[in-house]
Amino acid sequence: MDDITAKRLVFTMLDTDGDGVVSKDEYSARAERVARATGRTDDDPLVIAARAAGERAWAAMDANGDGGVTFEEYAAWAGAEAFDTVCEPVLGGLFDLADTDEDGALDLLEFTALRTALGNPVGNIEAAFAALDIKGDGHIRRADYLASVRAHVSGESSPMGEALYSMDKAEALAPLKEH
């Protein structure tokens, strides 16, 4: 999958209302959805940390401070450098929220809760899990998960990205073509 297609797929997932702009509320809601899906409370230190990481990421994404990020802005910003400096703490924090037994890995139930809360198609989650279960022991390690997400947003080969977004790409990208 090329870099622009990968970015479009992620942007479409972030733009939950499909209006062609990711708002601060849409972006911030990710931590709230994962917290709810995992039964965590607002005062949980992991929820607080995930929110703070999300705030820092939003500030970097919305560089012009207008309260919204268009696909063009997102595409110019997203990539390996943004992942390494801004996104990894956010996605690591969301992973930690989903890791309810705090063993540093996600089982299928935890992974499903995470990816469903983030807006991935439910039908693709088991294939993505299998692609990331490198040891075949029913667990996805944090480092493997983050490396796969980094590869996806950088336009590199990502087993998880390919599996999560194996639905018809034209269907996934259709909302962007309307704007």
C-alpha atoms as a PDB file:
ATOM      1  CA  MET A   1       0.000   0.000   0.000  1.00  0.00           C
ATOM      2  CA  ASP A   2       1.442   3.382  -0.901  1.00  0.00           C
ATOM      3  CA  ASP A   3       1.968   6.233   1.544  1.00  0.00           C
ATOM      4  CA  ILE A   4      -0.980   8.390   0.402  1.00  0.00           C
ATOM      5  CA  THR A   5      -3.468   5.501   0.447  1.00  0.00           C
ATOM      6  CA  ALA A   6      -2.335   4.528   3.947  1.00  0.00           C
ATOM      7  CA  LYS A   7      -2.746   8.115   5.135  1.00  0.00           C
ATOM      8  CA  ARG A   8      -6.193   8.386   3.511  1.00  0.00           C
ATOM      9  CA  LEU A   9      -7.354   5.236   5.283  1.00  0.00           C
ATOM     10  CA  VAL A  10      -6.184   6.508   8.667  1.00  0.00           C
ATOM     11  CA  PHE A  11      -7.642   9.964   8.015  1.00  0.00           C
ATOM     12  CA  THR A  12     -11.005   8.431   7.085  1.00  0.00           C
ATOM     13  CA  MET A  13     -10.983   6.519  10.375  1.00  0.00           C
ATOM     14  CA  LEU A  14     -10.167   9.708  12.326  1.00  0.00           C
ATOM     15  CA  ASP A  15     -12.835  11.770  10.521  1.00  0.00           C
ATOM     16  CA  THR A  16     -15.724  10.022  12.263  1.00  0.00           C
ATOM     17  CA  ASP A  17     -18.419  12.358  10.934  1.00  0.00           C
ATOM     18  CA  GLY A  18     -17.111  12.153   7.362  1.00  0.00           C
ATOM     19  CA  ASP A  19     -17.054  15.911   6.767  1.00  0.00           C
ATOM     20  CA  GLY A  20     -13.495  15.953   5.416  1.00  0.00           C
ATOM     21  CA  VAL A  21     -12.022  17.593   8.528  1.00  0.00           C
ATOM     22  CA  VAL A  22     -10.788  15.925  11.716  1.00  0.00           C
ATOM     23  CA  SER A  23     -11.871  18.091  14.640  1.00  0.00           C
ATOM     24  CA  LYS A  24     -10.237  18.218  18.049  1.00  0.00           C
ATOM     25  CA  ASP A  25     -13.320  16.517  19.499  1.00  0.00           C
ATOM     26  CA  GLU A  26     -13.089  13.670  16.986  1.00  0.00           C
ATOM     27  CA  TYR A  27      -9.414  13.168  17.727  1.00  0.00           C
ATOM     28  CA  SER A  28      -9.805  13.424  21.503  1.00  0.00           C
ATOM     29  CA  ALA A  29     -12.724  11.002  21.517  1.00  0.00           C
ATOM     30  CA  ARG A  30     -10.362   8.140  20.686  1.00  0.00           C
ATOM     31  CA  ALA A  31      -9.027   7.945  24.247  1.00  0.00           C
ATOM     32  CA  GLU A  32     -12.556   8.237  25.629  1.00  0.00           C
ATOM     33  CA  ARG A  33     -13.845   5.409  23.404  1.00  0.00           C
ATOM     34  CA  VAL A  34     -10.977   3.092  24.351  1.00  0.00           C
ATOM     35  CA  ALA A  35     -11.419   3.933  28.045  1.00  0.00           C
ATOM     36  CA  ARG A  36     -15.152   3.110  27.846  1.00  0.00           C
ATOM     37  CA  ALA A  37     -14.508  -0.082  25.868  1.00  0.00           C
ATOM     38  CA  THR A  38     -12.102  -1.298  28.527  1.00  0.00           C
ATOM     39  CA  GLY A  39     -14.115  -0.190  31.551  1.00  0.00           C
ATOM     40  CA  ARG A  40     -11.573   2.338  32.758  1.00  0.00           C
ATOM     41  CA  THR A  41     -12.652   5.362  34.785  1.00  0.00           C
ATOM     42  CA  ASP A  42     -11.848   9.013  34.130  1.00  0.00           C
ATOM     43  CA  ASP A  43      -9.429   9.130  37.072  1.00  0.00           C
ATOM     44  CA  ASP A  44      -7.431   6.082  35.926  1.00  0.00           C
ATOM     45  CA  PRO A  45      -3.788   7.208  35.488  1.00  0.00           C
ATOM     46  CA  LEU A  46      -3.646   5.478  32.099  1.00  0.00           C
ATOM     47  CA  VAL A  47      -6.707   7.409  30.897  1.00  0.00           C
ATOM     48  CA  ILE A  48      -5.172  10.659  32.109  1.00  0.00           C
ATOM     49  CA  ALA A  49      -1.875   9.822  30.356  1.00  0.00           C
ATOM     50  CA  ALA A  50      -3.635   8.862  27.105  1.00  0.00           C
ATOM     51  CA  ARG A  51      -5.585  12.122  27.107  1.00  0.00           C
ATOM     52  CA  ALA A  52      -2.418  14.168  27.715  1.00  0.00           C
ATOM     53  CA  ALA A  53      -0.590  12.391  24.880  1.00  0.00           C
ATOM     54  CA  GLY A  54      -3.598  13.041  22.634  1.00  0.00           C
ATOM     55  CA  GLU A  55      -3.568  16.745  23.506  1.00  0.00           C
ATOM     56  CA  ARG A  56       0.120  16.977  22.536  1.00  0.00           C
ATOM     57  CA  ALA A  57      -0.552  15.130  19.286  1.00  0.00           C
ATOM     58  CA  TRP A  58      -3.486  17.367  18.435  1.00  0.00           C
ATOM     59  CA  ALA A  59      -1.360  20.482  18.979  1.00  0.00           C
ATOM     60  CA  ALA A  60       1.203  19.119  16.512  1.00  0.00           C
ATOM     61  CA  MET A  61      -1.386  17.996  13.942  1.00  0.00           C
ATOM     62  CA  ASP A  62      -3.354  21.248  13.997  1.00  0.00           C
ATOM     63  CA  ALA A  63      -0.280  23.330  13.290  1.00  0.00           C
ATOM     64  CA  ASN A  64      -2.259  26.380  12.155  1.00  0.00           C
ATOM     65  CA  GLY A  65      -4.492  26.236  15.246  1.00  0.00           C
ATOM     66  CA  ASP A  66      -7.786  26.539  13.373  1.00  0.00           C
ATOM     67  CA  GLY A  67      -9.425  23.630  15.206  1.00  0.00           C
ATOM     68  CA  GLY A  68      -9.566  21.267  12.249  1.00  0.00           C
ATOM     69  CA  VAL A  69      -7.217  19.150  10.181  1.00  0.00           C
ATOM     70  CA  THR A  70      -7.963  18.565   6.508  1.00  0.00           C
ATOM     71  CA  PHE A  71      -6.582  15.571   4.638  1.00  0.00           C
ATOM     72  CA  GLU A  72      -3.992  17.795   2.960  1.00  0.00           C
ATOM     73  CA  GLU A  73      -2.758  19.025   6.359  1.00  0.00           C
ATOM     74  CA  TYR A  74      -2.761  15.495   7.751  1.00  0.00           C
ATOM     75  CA  ALA A  75      -0.907  14.054   4.739  1.00  0.00           C
ATOM     76  CA  ALA A  76       1.775  16.741   4.977  1.00  0.00           C
ATOM     77  CA  TRP A  77       2.224  16.050   8.687  1.00  0.00           C
ATOM     78  CA  ALA A  78       1.818  12.278   9.052  1.00  0.00           C
ATOM     79  CA  GLY A  79       4.680   9.877   8.488  1.00  0.00           C
ATOM     80  CA  ALA A  80       7.621   8.264  10.212  1.00  0.00           C
ATOM     81  CA  GLU A  81       8.939  11.446  11.866  1.00  0.00           C
ATOM     82  CA  ALA A  82       5.514  12.452  13.209  1.00  0.00           C
ATOM     83  CA  PHE A  83       4.970   8.903  14.408  1.00  0.00           C
ATOM     84  CA  ASP A  84       8.310   8.775  16.212  1.00  0.00           C
ATOM     85  CA  THR A  85       7.955  12.163  17.890  1.00  0.00           C
ATOM     86  CA  VAL A  86       4.204  12.530  18.445  1.00  0.00           C
ATOM     87  CA  CYS A  87       2.055   9.526  17.555  1.00  0.00           C
ATOM     88  CA  GLU A  88       3.927   6.714  19.265  1.00  0.00           C
ATOM     89  CA  PRO A  89       3.113   8.023  22.770  1.00  0.00           C
ATOM     90  CA  VAL A  90      -0.561   8.398  21.798  1.00  0.00           C
ATOM     91  CA  LEU A  91      -0.884   4.950  20.272  1.00  0.00           C
ATOM     92  CA  GLY A  92       1.198   3.428  23.058  1.00  0.00           C
ATOM     93  CA  GLY A  93      -1.142   5.047  25.583  1.00  0.00           C
ATOM     94  CA  LEU A  94      -4.192   3.645  23.805  1.00  0.00           C
ATOM     95  CA  PHE A  95      -2.513   0.216  23.713  1.00  0.00           C
ATOM     96  CA  ASP A  96      -1.888   0.484  27.466  1.00  0.00           C
ATOM     97  CA  LEU A  97      -5.569   1.306  28.058  1.00  0.00           C
ATOM     98  CA  ALA A  98      -6.574  -1.829  26.180  1.00  0.00           C
ATOM     99  CA  ASP A  99      -4.010  -3.976  28.034  1.00  0.00           C
ATOM    100  CA  THR A 100      -6.420  -4.590  30.903  1.00  0.00           C
ATOM    101  CA  ASP A 101      -4.326  -7.330  32.514  1.00  0.00           C
ATOM    102  CA  GLU A 102      -1.228  -5.100  32.209  1.00  0.00           C
ATOM    103  CA  ASP A 103       0.998  -7.859  30.819  1.00  0.00           C
ATOM    104  CA  GLY A 104       2.480  -5.708  28.033  1.00  0.00           C
ATOM    105  CA  ALA A 105       0.558  -7.582  25.341  1.00  0.00           C
ATOM    106  CA  LEU A 106      -2.967  -7.746  23.967  1.00  0.00           C
ATOM    107  CA  ASP A 107      -4.976 -10.904  23.564  1.00  0.00           C
ATOM    108  CA  LEU A 108      -7.672 -11.072  20.895  1.00  0.00           C
ATOM    109  CA  LEU A 109     -10.380  -9.688  23.204  1.00  0.00           C
ATOM    110  CA  GLU A 110      -8.231  -6.706  24.223  1.00  0.00           C
ATOM    111  CA  PHE A 111      -7.106  -6.070  20.629  1.00  0.00           C
ATOM    112  CA  THR A 112     -10.701  -6.240  19.420  1.00  0.00           C
ATOM    113  CA  ALA A 113     -11.792  -3.724  22.072  1.00  0.00           C
ATOM    114  CA  LEU A 114      -8.973  -1.370  21.046  1.00  0.00           C
ATOM    115  CA  ARG A 115      -9.387  -1.542  17.295  1.00  0.00           C
ATOM    116  CA  THR A 116     -13.200  -1.453  17.415  1.00  0.00           C
ATOM    117  CA  ALA A 117     -13.071   1.626  19.654  1.00  0.00           C
ATOM    118  CA  LEU A 118     -10.703   3.218  17.137  1.00  0.00           C
ATOM    119  CA  GLY A 119     -13.154   2.593  14.298  1.00  0.00           C
ATOM    120  CA  ASN A 120     -11.670  -0.332  12.379  1.00  0.00           C
ATOM    121  CA  PRO A 121     -14.004  -2.713  10.561  1.00  0.00           C
ATOM    122  CA  VAL A 122     -14.848  -5.551  12.955  1.00  0.00           C
ATOM    123  CA  GLY A 123     -14.603  -8.138  10.190  1.00  0.00           C
ATOM    124  CA  ASN A 124     -10.907  -7.426   9.661  1.00  0.00           C
ATOM    125  CA  ILE A 125      -9.744  -7.463  13.282  1.00  0.00           C
ATOM    126  CA  GLU A 126      -9.059 -11.205  13.609  1.00  0.00           C
ATOM    127  CA  ALA A 127      -6.894 -11.191  10.472  1.00  0.00           C
ATOM    128  CA  ALA A 128      -4.971  -8.190  11.793  1.00  0.00           C
ATOM    129  CA  PHE A 129      -4.494  -9.938  15.128  1.00  0.00           C
ATOM    130  CA  ALA A 130      -3.195 -13.063  13.411  1.00  0.00           C
ATOM    131  CA  ALA A 131      -0.795 -10.969  11.341  1.00  0.00           C
ATOM    132  CA  LEU A 132       0.646  -9.396  14.496  1.00  0.00           C
ATOM    133  CA  ASP A 133       0.703 -12.518  16.683  1.00  0.00           C
ATOM    134  CA  ILE A 134       4.313 -13.099  15.691  1.00  0.00           C
ATOM    135  CA  LYS A 135       4.994 -15.855  18.232  1.00  0.00           C
ATOM    136  CA  GLY A 136       1.652 -17.549  17.600  1.00  0.00           C
ATOM    137  CA  ASP A 137       0.874 -17.506  21.314  1.00  0.00           C
ATOM    138  CA  GLY A 138      -2.323 -15.474  21.198  1.00  0.00           C
ATOM    139  CA  HIS A 139      -0.662 -12.193  22.186  1.00  0.00           C
ATOM    140  CA  ILE A 140       0.464  -9.023  20.425  1.00  0.00           C
ATOM    141  CA  ARG A 141       3.371  -7.267  22.069  1.00  0.00           C
ATOM    142  CA  ARG A 142       3.342  -3.491  22.384  1.00  0.00           C
ATOM    143  CA  ALA A 143       6.555  -3.024  20.359  1.00  0.00           C
ATOM    144  CA  ASP A 144       5.255  -5.196  17.502  1.00  0.00           C
ATOM    145  CA  TYR A 145       1.949  -3.309  17.450  1.00  0.00           C
ATOM    146  CA  LEU A 146       3.622   0.102  17.377  1.00  0.00           C
ATOM    147  CA  ALA A 147       6.120  -0.977  14.712  1.00  0.00           C
ATOM    148  CA  SER A 148       3.273  -2.177  12.492  1.00  0.00           C
ATOM    149  CA  VAL A 149       1.312   1.057  12.905  1.00  0.00           C
ATOM    150  CA  ARG A 150       4.475   3.057  12.155  1.00  0.00           C
ATOM    151  CA  ALA A 151       5.077   1.023   9.018  1.00  0.00           C
ATOM    152  CA  HIS A 152       1.476   1.574   7.894  1.00  0.00           C
ATOM    153  CA  VAL A 153       1.467   5.352   8.307  1.00  0.00           C
ATOM    154  CA  SER A 154       4.880   5.524   6.640  1.00  0.00           C
ATOM    155  CA  GLY A 155       3.637   3.642   3.581  1.00  0.00           C
ATOM    156  CA  GLU A 156       5.808   0.614   4.334  1.00  0.00           C
ATOM    157  CA  SER A 157       4.686  -2.996   4.454  1.00  0.00           C
ATOM    158  CA  SER A 158       2.458  -3.481   7.489  1.00  0.00           C
ATOM    159  CA  PRO A 159       0.762  -6.838   8.047  1.00  0.00           C
ATOM    160  CA  MET A 160      -1.699  -5.258  10.469  1.00  0.00           C
ATOM    161  CA  GLY A 161      -2.442  -2.323   8.170  1.00  0.00           C
ATOM    162  CA  GLU A 162      -3.028  -4.604   5.215  1.00  0.00           C
ATOM    163  CA  ALA A 163      -5.375  -6.805   7.253  1.00  0.00           C
ATOM    164  CA  LEU A 164      -7.277  -3.966   8.938  1.00  0.00           C
ATOM    165  CA  TYR A 165      -7.813  -2.143   5.680  1.00  0.00           C
ATOM    166  CA  SER A 166      -8.379  -5.137   3.416  1.00  0.00           C
ATOM    167  CA  MET A 167     -11.932  -3.992   2.737  1.00  0.00           C
ATOM    168  CA  ASP A 168     -12.590  -2.420  -0.596  1.00  0.00           C
ATOM    169  CA  LYS A 169     -10.290   0.610  -0.566  1.00  0.00           C
ATOM    170  CA  ALA A 170     -12.571   2.553  -2.907  1.00  0.00           C
ATOM    171  CA  GLU A 171     -15.366   2.207  -0.332  1.00  0.00           C
ATOM    172  CA  ALA A 172     -13.089   3.358   2.488  1.00  0.00           C
ATOM    173  CA  LEU A 173     -11.888   6.376   0.531  1.00  0.00           C
ATOM    174  CA  ALA A 174     -15.266   7.417  -0.881  1.00  0.00           C
ATOM    175  CA  PRO A 175     -15.997   9.992   1.863  1.00  0.00           C
ATOM    176  CA  LEU A 176     -12.790  11.863   0.987  1.00  0.00           C
ATOM    177  CA  LYS A 177     -13.729  12.166  -2.647  1.00  0.00           C
ATOM    178  CA  GLU A 178     -16.919  14.028  -1.740  1.00  0.00           C
ATOM    179  CA  HIS A 179     -14.960  16.930  -0.209  1.00  0.00           C
END
